[in-house]
Structure formats: structure tokens, C-alpha cells
Amino acid sequence: MEYLTAFGNWCSGPGLWHGGGFGGWGGSLGMAFPLGGIFQLLVIGLIIYFTVRLIRKPATHSGPGTPHDILKRRYAAGEIDRETYRAMQDELGNS
């Protein structure tokens, strides 16, 4: 129950849900900014961002692969021709 009271105290006043008031830099700049609402949106956005980041599994990087995989990738990309591919494949197969 203490959490609800603390949240209510944090959210009370001008801001995102209560409207009507502006806080912060009103007088000297000649304009008022709703800083309370912006701050609350920032906190909520950060909570959502880190929650999604914790839930999502990190991408695994398996590295460049075996020599045969690298050779196939180079041939598919057109970096080497058929004769070079076959010669390298034979060389890898014999070693």
C-alpha cells in the first residue's frame, strides 16, 4: 500500500494526467513548458525500453564459420570463380 501512496505523491501536481498547470521555465523565457508531463513520459518510456530489452534474447553471433562455409559464401558472392572454388574445395578436403 505504501507503493501506491508514493506513486500518488509522485504523480500529484501538474503533469501528464492532471493537466492545467505548467512547471519550470515560465517567467524569464516568456513561455511555459509542461516539464512534469515530459518527465513522467520519459520515466515511463525508460521503464518500457529496459523491460523489453531484458525480455528479448540477445542475438548470438557464431563467428565467420568453418572454412567450407566461408568458401561457399565467397563463391555465392561472386568473389571467386568456379575453378578457384573447386581447387580450394579440393585443397580443404585433402588437409
PDB file of N, CA and C in Angstrom:
ATOM      1  N   MET A   1       0.819  -1.192   0.000  1.00  0.00           N
ATOM      2  CA  MET A   1       0.000   0.000   0.000  1.00  0.00           C
ATOM      3  C   MET A   1       0.858   1.249   0.000  1.00  0.00           C
ATOM      4  N   GLU A   2       2.080   1.132   0.579  1.00  0.00           N
ATOM      5  CA  GLU A   2       2.961   2.282   0.601  1.00  0.00           C
ATOM      6  C   GLU A   2       3.403   2.674  -0.801  1.00  0.00           C
ATOM      7  N   TYR A   3       3.498   1.677  -1.690  1.00  0.00           N
ATOM      8  CA  TYR A   3       3.900   1.966  -3.056  1.00  0.00           C
ATOM      9  C   TYR A   3       2.863   2.829  -3.766  1.00  0.00           C
ATOM     10  N   LEU A   4       1.608   2.543  -3.531  1.00  0.00           N
ATOM     11  CA  LEU A   4       0.551   3.328  -4.164  1.00  0.00           C
ATOM     12  C   LEU A   4       0.560   4.769  -3.660  1.00  0.00           C
ATOM     13  N   THR A   5       0.828   4.943  -2.392  1.00  0.00           N
ATOM     14  CA  THR A   5       0.899   6.289  -1.830  1.00  0.00           C
ATOM     15  C   THR A   5       2.083   7.044  -2.413  1.00  0.00           C
ATOM     16  N   ALA A   6       3.213   6.363  -2.514  1.00  0.00           N
ATOM     17  CA  ALA A   6       4.405   7.003  -3.081  1.00  0.00           C
ATOM     18  C   ALA A   6       4.162   7.369  -4.540  1.00  0.00           C
ATOM     19  N   PHE A   7       3.536   6.483  -5.294  1.00  0.00           N
ATOM     20  CA  PHE A   7       3.235   6.781  -6.694  1.00  0.00           C
ATOM     21  C   PHE A   7       2.250   7.927  -6.808  1.00  0.00           C
ATOM     22  N   GLY A   8       1.269   7.965  -5.920  1.00  0.00           N
ATOM     23  CA  GLY A   8       0.303   9.061  -5.926  1.00  0.00           C
ATOM     24  C   GLY A   8       0.949  10.393  -5.611  1.00  0.00           C
ATOM     25  N   ASN A   9       1.884  10.402  -4.686  1.00  0.00           N
ATOM     26  CA  ASN A   9       2.602  11.632  -4.364  1.00  0.00           C
ATOM     27  C   ASN A   9       3.481  12.076  -5.517  1.00  0.00           C
ATOM     28  N   TRP A  10       4.086  11.110  -6.212  1.00  0.00           N
ATOM     29  CA  TRP A  10       4.952  11.430  -7.344  1.00  0.00           C
ATOM     30  C   TRP A  10       4.152  12.007  -8.506  1.00  0.00           C
ATOM     31  N   CYS A  11       2.962  11.473  -8.707  1.00  0.00           N
ATOM     32  CA  CYS A  11       2.144  11.893  -9.843  1.00  0.00           C
ATOM     33  C   CYS A  11       1.226  13.059  -9.530  1.00  0.00           C
ATOM     34  N   SER A  12       1.166  13.489  -8.297  1.00  0.00           N
ATOM     35  CA  SER A  12       0.253  14.584  -7.996  1.00  0.00           C
ATOM     36  C   SER A  12       0.857  15.896  -8.470  1.00  0.00           C
ATOM     37  N   GLY A  13       0.035  16.775  -8.860  1.00  0.00           N
ATOM     38  CA  GLY A  13       0.514  18.070  -9.341  1.00  0.00           C
ATOM     39  C   GLY A  13       0.409  18.154 -10.844  1.00  0.00           C
ATOM     40  N   PRO A  14       0.838  19.286 -11.399  1.00  0.00           N
ATOM     41  CA  PRO A  14       0.718  19.468 -12.840  1.00  0.00           C
ATOM     42  C   PRO A  14       1.594  18.470 -13.574  1.00  0.00           C
ATOM     43  N   GLY A  15       1.048  17.914 -14.585  1.00  0.00           N
ATOM     44  CA  GLY A  15       1.823  16.943 -15.337  1.00  0.00           C
ATOM     45  C   GLY A  15       0.961  16.209 -16.336  1.00  0.00           C
ATOM     46  N   LEU A  16       1.327  15.006 -16.593  1.00  0.00           N
ATOM     47  CA  LEU A  16       0.735  14.224 -17.662  1.00  0.00           C
ATOM     48  C   LEU A  16      -0.749  13.952 -17.449  1.00  0.00           C
ATOM     49  N   TRP A  17      -1.137  13.496 -16.256  1.00  0.00           N
ATOM     50  CA  TRP A  17      -2.526  13.102 -16.045  1.00  0.00           C
ATOM     51  C   TRP A  17      -3.373  14.181 -15.386  1.00  0.00           C
ATOM     52  N   HIS A  18      -2.749  15.174 -14.791  1.00  0.00           N
ATOM     53  CA  HIS A  18      -3.518  16.133 -14.028  1.00  0.00           C
ATOM     54  C   HIS A  18      -3.779  17.431 -14.771  1.00  0.00           C
ATOM     55  N   GLY A  19      -2.997  17.744 -15.743  1.00  0.00           N
ATOM     56  CA  GLY A  19      -3.228  18.886 -16.619  1.00  0.00           C
ATOM     57  C   GLY A  19      -3.432  20.202 -15.897  1.00  0.00           C
ATOM     58  N   GLY A  20      -3.553  21.255 -16.639  1.00  0.00           N
ATOM     59  CA  GLY A  20      -3.889  22.541 -16.082  1.00  0.00           C
ATOM     60  C   GLY A  20      -2.711  23.385 -15.675  1.00  0.00           C
ATOM     61  N   GLY A  21      -1.651  22.824 -15.197  1.00  0.00           N
ATOM     62  CA  GLY A  21      -0.537  23.617 -14.720  1.00  0.00           C
ATOM     63  C   GLY A  21       0.706  23.388 -15.537  1.00  0.00           C
ATOM     64  N   PHE A  22       1.613  24.334 -15.441  1.00  0.00           N
ATOM     65  CA  PHE A  22       2.897  24.199 -16.111  1.00  0.00           C
ATOM     66  C   PHE A  22       3.968  24.437 -15.073  1.00  0.00           C
ATOM     67  N   GLY A  23       5.038  23.699 -15.169  1.00  0.00           N
ATOM     68  CA  GLY A  23       6.104  23.884 -14.213  1.00  0.00           C
ATOM     69  C   GLY A  23       7.351  24.359 -14.915  1.00  0.00           C
ATOM     70  N   GLY A  24       8.277  24.870 -14.142  1.00  0.00           N
ATOM     71  CA  GLY A  24       9.583  25.134 -14.707  1.00  0.00           C
ATOM     72  C   GLY A  24       9.784  26.520 -15.255  1.00  0.00           C
ATOM     73  N   TRP A  25      10.234  26.624 -16.447  1.00  0.00           N
ATOM     74  CA  TRP A  25      10.824  27.821 -17.045  1.00  0.00           C
ATOM     75  C   TRP A  25       9.790  28.762 -17.633  1.00  0.00           C
ATOM     76  N   GLY A  26       8.857  29.237 -16.922  1.00  0.00           N
ATOM     77  CA  GLY A  26       7.816  30.068 -17.498  1.00  0.00           C
ATOM     78  C   GLY A  26       8.139  31.537 -17.544  1.00  0.00           C
ATOM     79  N   GLY A  27       8.585  32.115 -16.453  1.00  0.00           N
ATOM     80  CA  GLY A  27       8.686  33.554 -16.347  1.00  0.00           C
ATOM     81  C   GLY A  27       9.735  34.202 -17.215  1.00  0.00           C
ATOM     82  N   SER A  28      10.973  33.818 -17.104  1.00  0.00           N
ATOM     83  CA  SER A  28      12.045  34.527 -17.782  1.00  0.00           C
ATOM     84  C   SER A  28      12.108  34.225 -19.267  1.00  0.00           C
ATOM     85  N   LEU A  29      11.632  33.082 -19.693  1.00  0.00           N
ATOM     86  CA  LEU A  29      11.707  32.742 -21.117  1.00  0.00           C
ATOM     87  C   LEU A  29      10.488  33.212 -21.894  1.00  0.00           C
ATOM     88  N   GLY A  30       9.445  33.563 -21.209  1.00  0.00           N
ATOM     89  CA  GLY A  30       8.259  34.042 -21.895  1.00  0.00           C
ATOM     90  C   GLY A  30       7.342  32.934 -22.372  1.00  0.00           C
ATOM     91  N   MET A  31       7.684  31.703 -22.093  1.00  0.00           N
ATOM     92  CA  MET A  31       6.827  30.584 -22.468  1.00  0.00           C
ATOM     93  C   MET A  31       6.887  29.536 -21.373  1.00  0.00           C
ATOM     94  N   ALA A  32       5.858  28.723 -21.266  1.00  0.00           N
ATOM     95  CA  ALA A  32       5.816  27.704 -20.217  1.00  0.00           C
ATOM     96  C   ALA A  32       5.973  26.326 -20.840  1.00  0.00           C
ATOM     97  N   PHE A  33       6.742  25.469 -20.195  1.00  0.00           N
ATOM     98  CA  PHE A  33       6.938  24.099 -20.651  1.00  0.00           C
ATOM     99  C   PHE A  33       6.293  23.144 -19.659  1.00  0.00           C
ATOM    100  N   PRO A  34       5.560  22.170 -20.149  1.00  0.00           N
ATOM    101  CA  PRO A  34       4.971  21.186 -19.232  1.00  0.00           C
ATOM    102  C   PRO A  34       6.009  20.145 -18.826  1.00  0.00           C
ATOM    103  N   LEU A  35       6.936  20.523 -17.963  1.00  0.00           N
ATOM    104  CA  LEU A  35       8.047  19.642 -17.606  1.00  0.00           C
ATOM    105  C   LEU A  35       7.600  18.429 -16.815  1.00  0.00           C
ATOM    106  N   GLY A  36       6.559  18.559 -16.020  1.00  0.00           N
ATOM    107  CA  GLY A  36       6.094  17.406 -15.254  1.00  0.00           C
ATOM    108  C   GLY A  36       5.654  16.274 -16.158  1.00  0.00           C
ATOM    109  N   GLY A  37       4.878  16.567 -17.163  1.00  0.00           N
ATOM    110  CA  GLY A  37       4.404  15.540 -18.092  1.00  0.00           C
ATOM    111  C   GLY A  37       5.523  14.949 -18.924  1.00  0.00           C
ATOM    112  N   ILE A  38       6.466  15.789 -19.329  1.00  0.00           N
ATOM    113  CA  ILE A  38       7.605  15.293 -20.107  1.00  0.00           C
ATOM    114  C   ILE A  38       8.442  14.353 -19.251  1.00  0.00           C
ATOM    115  N   PHE A  39       8.673  14.716 -17.998  1.00  0.00           N
ATOM    116  CA  PHE A  39       9.450  13.866 -17.106  1.00  0.00           C
ATOM    117  C   PHE A  39       8.761  12.524 -16.886  1.00  0.00           C
ATOM    118  N   GLN A  40       7.447  12.547 -16.684  1.00  0.00           N
ATOM    119  CA  GLN A  40       6.718  11.304 -16.466  1.00  0.00           C
ATOM    120  C   GLN A  40       6.750  10.427 -17.719  1.00  0.00           C
ATOM    121  N   LEU A  41       6.609  11.012 -18.891  1.00  0.00           N
ATOM    122  CA  LEU A  41       6.702  10.242 -20.124  1.00  0.00           C
ATOM    123  C   LEU A  41       8.098   9.640 -20.296  1.00  0.00           C
ATOM    124  N   LEU A  42       9.123  10.393 -19.934  1.00  0.00           N
ATOM    125  CA  LEU A  42      10.486   9.900 -20.032  1.00  0.00           C
ATOM    126  C   LEU A  42      10.702   8.699 -19.114  1.00  0.00           C
ATOM    127  N   VAL A  43      10.219   8.787 -17.881  1.00  0.00           N
ATOM    128  CA  VAL A  43      10.375   7.675 -16.943  1.00  0.00           C
ATOM    129  C   VAL A  43       9.620   6.446 -17.426  1.00  0.00           C
ATOM    130  N   ILE A  44       8.405   6.628 -17.887  1.00  0.00           N
ATOM    131  CA  ILE A  44       7.611   5.503 -18.386  1.00  0.00           C
ATOM    132  C   ILE A  44       8.269   4.898 -19.621  1.00  0.00           C
ATOM    133  N   GLY A  45       8.770   5.734 -20.508  1.00  0.00           N
ATOM    134  CA  GLY A  45       9.466   5.239 -21.700  1.00  0.00           C
ATOM    135  C   GLY A  45      10.704   4.440 -21.354  1.00  0.00           C
ATOM    136  N   LEU A  46      11.474   4.907 -20.372  1.00  0.00           N
ATOM    137  CA  LEU A  46      12.667   4.174 -19.955  1.00  0.00           C
ATOM    138  C   LEU A  46      12.312   2.830 -19.330  1.00  0.00           C
ATOM    139  N   ILE A  47      11.237   2.798 -18.555  1.00  0.00           N
ATOM    140  CA  ILE A  47      10.796   1.533 -17.967  1.00  0.00           C
ATOM    141  C   ILE A  47      10.420   0.540 -19.065  1.00  0.00           C
ATOM    142  N   ILE A  48       9.687   0.988 -20.052  1.00  0.00           N
ATOM    143  CA  ILE A  48       9.283   0.110 -21.157  1.00  0.00           C
ATOM    144  C   ILE A  48      10.507  -0.357 -21.950  1.00  0.00           C
ATOM    145  N   TYR A  49      11.425   0.558 -22.227  1.00  0.00           N
ATOM    146  CA  TYR A  49      12.624   0.220 -23.001  1.00  0.00           C
ATOM    147  C   TYR A  49      13.438  -0.866 -22.308  1.00  0.00           C
ATOM    148  N   PHE A  50      13.712  -0.693 -21.016  1.00  0.00           N
ATOM    149  CA  PHE A  50      14.536  -1.665 -20.315  1.00  0.00           C
ATOM    150  C   PHE A  50      13.801  -2.976 -20.077  1.00  0.00           C
ATOM    151  N   THR A  51      12.491  -2.938 -19.928  1.00  0.00           N
ATOM    152  CA  THR A  51      11.724  -4.172 -19.796  1.00  0.00           C
ATOM    153  C   THR A  51      11.799  -4.989 -21.075  1.00  0.00           C
ATOM    154  N   VAL A  52      11.608  -4.345 -22.213  1.00  0.00           N
ATOM    155  CA  VAL A  52      11.699  -5.043 -23.499  1.00  0.00           C
ATOM    156  C   VAL A  52      13.111  -5.564 -23.722  1.00  0.00           C
ATOM    157  N   ARG A  53      14.095  -4.784 -23.339  1.00  0.00           N
ATOM    158  CA  ARG A  53      15.485  -5.200 -23.533  1.00  0.00           C
ATOM    159  C   ARG A  53      15.837  -6.404 -22.671  1.00  0.00           C
ATOM    160  N   LEU A  54      15.276  -6.491 -21.460  1.00  0.00           N
ATOM    161  CA  LEU A  54      15.526  -7.644 -20.608  1.00  0.00           C
ATOM    162  C   LEU A  54      14.829  -8.895 -21.120  1.00  0.00           C
ATOM    163  N   ILE A  55      13.634  -8.718 -21.681  1.00  0.00           N
ATOM    164  CA  ILE A  55      12.857  -9.870 -22.151  1.00  0.00           C
ATOM    165  C   ILE A  55      13.435 -10.442 -23.442  1.00  0.00           C
ATOM    166  N   ARG A  56      13.829  -9.570 -24.348  1.00  0.00           N
ATOM    167  CA  ARG A  56      14.328 -10.012 -25.645  1.00  0.00           C
ATOM    168  C   ARG A  56      15.673 -10.710 -25.483  1.00  0.00           C
ATOM    169  N   LYS A  57      15.839 -11.819 -26.166  1.00  0.00           N
ATOM    170  CA  LYS A  57      17.090 -12.556 -26.097  1.00  0.00           C
ATOM    171  C   LYS A  57      18.131 -11.848 -26.958  1.00  0.00           C
ATOM    172  N   PRO A  58      19.367 -11.778 -26.494  1.00  0.00           N
ATOM    173  CA  PRO A  58      20.396 -11.146 -27.307  1.00  0.00           C
ATOM    174  C   PRO A  58      20.724 -11.996 -28.532  1.00  0.00           C
ATOM    175  N   ALA A  59      21.058 -11.327 -29.598  1.00  0.00           N
ATOM    176  CA  ALA A  59      21.416 -12.027 -30.824  1.00  0.00           C
ATOM    177  C   ALA A  59      22.762 -12.713 -30.633  1.00  0.00           C
ATOM    178  N   THR A  60      22.846 -13.937 -31.093  1.00  0.00           N
ATOM    179  CA  THR A  60      24.104 -14.673 -30.971  1.00  0.00           C
ATOM    180  C   THR A  60      24.862 -14.566 -32.278  1.00  0.00           C
ATOM    181  N   HIS A  61      26.132 -14.358 -32.154  1.00  0.00           N
ATOM    182  CA  HIS A  61      26.986 -14.272 -33.328  1.00  0.00           C
ATOM    183  C   HIS A  61      27.897 -15.480 -33.315  1.00  0.00           C
ATOM    184  N   SER A  62      27.783 -16.296 -34.342  1.00  0.00           N
ATOM    185  CA  SER A  62      28.527 -17.550 -34.362  1.00  0.00           C
ATOM    186  C   SER A  62      29.914 -17.394 -34.962  1.00  0.00           C
ATOM    187  N   GLY A  63      30.281 -16.220 -35.374  1.00  0.00           N
ATOM    188  CA  GLY A  63      31.601 -16.018 -35.958  1.00  0.00           C
ATOM    189  C   GLY A  63      31.576 -16.244 -37.465  1.00  0.00           C
ATOM    190  N   PRO A  64      32.732 -16.307 -38.076  1.00  0.00           N
ATOM    191  CA  PRO A  64      32.784 -16.421 -39.530  1.00  0.00           C
ATOM    192  C   PRO A  64      32.388 -17.790 -40.061  1.00  0.00           C
ATOM    193  N   GLY A  65      32.470 -18.839 -39.253  1.00  0.00           N
ATOM    194  CA  GLY A  65      32.077 -20.163 -39.696  1.00  0.00           C
ATOM    195  C   GLY A  65      33.272 -21.021 -40.047  1.00  0.00           C
ATOM    196  N   THR A  66      32.978 -22.205 -40.550  1.00  0.00           N
ATOM    197  CA  THR A  66      34.038 -23.133 -40.938  1.00  0.00           C
ATOM    198  C   THR A  66      34.660 -22.676 -42.258  1.00  0.00           C
ATOM    199  N   PRO A  67      35.839 -23.193 -42.590  1.00  0.00           N
ATOM    200  CA  PRO A  67      36.444 -22.826 -43.881  1.00  0.00           C
ATOM    201  C   PRO A  67      35.555 -23.169 -45.079  1.00  0.00           C
ATOM    202  N   HIS A  68      34.826 -24.279 -44.989  1.00  0.00           N
ATOM    203  CA  HIS A  68      33.919 -24.643 -46.089  1.00  0.00           C
ATOM    204  C   HIS A  68      32.779 -23.628 -46.216  1.00  0.00           C
ATOM    205  N   ASP A  69      32.254 -23.161 -45.080  1.00  0.00           N
ATOM    206  CA  ASP A  69      31.195 -22.152 -45.113  1.00  0.00           C
ATOM    207  C   ASP A  69      31.694 -20.845 -45.721  1.00  0.00           C
ATOM    208  N   ILE A  70      32.895 -20.445 -45.346  1.00  0.00           N
ATOM    209  CA  ILE A  70      33.463 -19.207 -45.892  1.00  0.00           C
ATOM    210  C   ILE A  70      33.674 -19.348 -47.396  1.00  0.00           C
ATOM    211  N   LEU A  71      34.159 -20.512 -47.827  1.00  0.00           N
ATOM    212  CA  LEU A  71      34.380 -20.747 -49.261  1.00  0.00           C
ATOM    213  C   LEU A  71      33.065 -20.696 -50.033  1.00  0.00           C
ATOM    214  N   LYS A  72      32.020 -21.317 -49.492  1.00  0.00           N
ATOM    215  CA  LYS A  72      30.705 -21.281 -50.149  1.00  0.00           C
ATOM    216  C   LYS A  72      30.171 -19.856 -50.236  1.00  0.00           C
ATOM    217  N   ARG A  73      30.343 -19.102 -49.151  1.00  0.00           N
ATOM    218  CA  ARG A  73      29.868 -17.720 -49.126  1.00  0.00           C
ATOM    219  C   ARG A  73      30.607 -16.861 -50.158  1.00  0.00           C
ATOM    220  N   ARG A  74      31.917 -17.049 -50.268  1.00  0.00           N
ATOM    221  CA  ARG A  74      32.705 -16.276 -51.239  1.00  0.00           C
ATOM    222  C   ARG A  74      32.312 -16.629 -52.671  1.00  0.00           C
ATOM    223  N   TYR A  75      32.035 -17.924 -52.926  1.00  0.00           N
ATOM    224  CA  TYR A  75      31.616 -18.339 -54.259  1.00  0.00           C
ATOM    225  C   TYR A  75      30.223 -17.792 -54.596  1.00  0.00           C
ATOM    226  N   ALA A  76      29.328 -17.829 -53.613  1.00  0.00           N
ATOM    227  CA  ALA A  76      27.972 -17.312 -53.838  1.00  0.00           C
ATOM    228  C   ALA A  76      27.988 -15.807 -54.058  1.00  0.00           C
ATOM    229  N   ALA A  77      28.918 -15.090 -53.418  1.00  0.00           N
ATOM    230  CA  ALA A  77      29.002 -13.640 -53.584  1.00  0.00           C
ATOM    231  C   ALA A  77      29.704 -13.241 -54.874  1.00  0.00           C
ATOM    232  N   GLY A  78      30.293 -14.217 -55.553  1.00  0.00           N
ATOM    233  CA  GLY A  78      30.975 -13.915 -56.813  1.00  0.00           C
ATOM    234  C   GLY A  78      32.405 -13.435 -56.627  1.00  0.00           C
ATOM    235  N   GLU A  79      32.976 -13.633 -55.445  1.00  0.00           N
ATOM    236  CA  GLU A  79      34.352 -13.207 -55.204  1.00  0.00           C
ATOM    237  C   GLU A  79      35.354 -14.119 -55.894  1.00  0.00           C
ATOM    238  N   ILE A  80      34.988 -15.386 -56.047  1.00  0.00           N
ATOM    239  CA  ILE A  80      35.876 -16.336 -56.719  1.00  0.00           C
ATOM    240  C   ILE A  80      35.105 -17.046 -57.816  1.00  0.00           C
ATOM    241  N   ASP A  81      35.833 -17.542 -58.806  1.00  0.00           N
ATOM    242  CA  ASP A  81      35.182 -18.253 -59.914  1.00  0.00           C
ATOM    243  C   ASP A  81      35.103 -19.754 -59.598  1.00  0.00           C
ATOM    244  N   ARG A  82      34.507 -20.515 -60.535  1.00  0.00           N
ATOM    245  CA  ARG A  82      34.250 -21.934 -60.313  1.00  0.00           C
ATOM    246  C   ARG A  82      35.547 -22.734 -60.165  1.00  0.00           C
ATOM    247  N   GLU A  83      36.529 -22.437 -61.010  1.00  0.00           N
ATOM    248  CA  GLU A  83      37.787 -23.188 -60.949  1.00  0.00           C
ATOM    249  C   GLU A  83      38.498 -22.963 -59.609  1.00  0.00           C
ATOM    250  N   THR A  84      38.511 -21.717 -59.154  1.00  0.00           N
ATOM    251  CA  THR A  84      39.137 -21.406 -57.872  1.00  0.00           C
ATOM    252  C   THR A  84      38.373 -22.074 -56.734  1.00  0.00           C
ATOM    253  N   TYR A  85      37.048 -22.064 -56.829  1.00  0.00           N
ATOM    254  CA  TYR A  85      36.219 -22.694 -55.811  1.00  0.00           C
ATOM    255  C   TYR A  85      36.528 -24.185 -55.711  1.00  0.00           C
ATOM    256  N   ARG A  86      36.573 -24.861 -56.864  1.00  0.00           N
ATOM    257  CA  ARG A  86      36.838 -26.307 -56.858  1.00  0.00           C
ATOM    258  C   ARG A  86      38.252 -26.619 -56.375  1.00  0.00           C
ATOM    259  N   ALA A  87      39.222 -25.784 -56.778  1.00  0.00           N
ATOM    260  CA  ALA A  87      40.599 -26.017 -56.328  1.00  0.00           C
ATOM    261  C   ALA A  87      40.709 -25.836 -54.814  1.00  0.00           C
ATOM    262  N   MET A  88      40.078 -24.808 -54.294  1.00  0.00           N
ATOM    263  CA  MET A  88      40.122 -24.575 -52.845  1.00  0.00           C
ATOM    264  C   MET A  88      39.353 -25.655 -52.095  1.00  0.00           C
ATOM    265  N   GLN A  89      38.251 -26.131 -52.684  1.00  0.00           N
ATOM    266  CA  GLN A  89      37.469 -27.180 -52.056  1.00  0.00           C
ATOM    267  C   GLN A  89      38.275 -28.475 -51.992  1.00  0.00           C
ATOM    268  N   ASP A  90      38.987 -28.791 -53.061  1.00  0.00           N
ATOM    269  CA  ASP A  90      39.842 -29.972 -53.059  1.00  0.00           C
ATOM    270  C   ASP A  90      40.964 -29.837 -52.036  1.00  0.00           C
ATOM    271  N   GLU A  91      41.544 -28.640 -51.964  1.00  0.00           N
ATOM    272  CA  GLU A  91      42.623 -28.394 -51.005  1.00  0.00           C
ATOM    273  C   GLU A  91      42.130 -28.516 -49.561  1.00  0.00           C
ATOM    274  N   LEU A  92      40.938 -28.004 -49.296  1.00  0.00           N
ATOM    275  CA  LEU A  92      40.384 -28.109 -47.940  1.00  0.00           C
ATOM    276  C   LEU A  92      40.015 -29.560 -47.606  1.00  0.00           C
ATOM    277  N   GLY A  93      39.562 -30.294 -48.624  1.00  0.00           N
ATOM    278  CA  GLY A  93      39.177 -31.679 -48.398  1.00  0.00           C
ATOM    279  C   GLY A  93      40.369 -32.568 -48.125  1.00  0.00           C
ATOM    280  N   ASN A  94      41.535 -32.223 -48.687  1.00  0.00           N
ATOM    281  CA  ASN A  94      42.727 -33.055 -48.522  1.00  0.00           C
ATOM    282  C   ASN A  94      43.487 -32.742 -47.239  1.00  0.00           C
ATOM    283  N   SER A  95      43.247 -31.568 -46.663  1.00  0.00           N
ATOM    284  CA  SER A  95      44.031 -31.206 -45.476  1.00  0.00           C
ATOM    285  C   SER A  95      43.368 -31.615 -44.182  1.00  0.00           C
TER     286      SER A  95
END
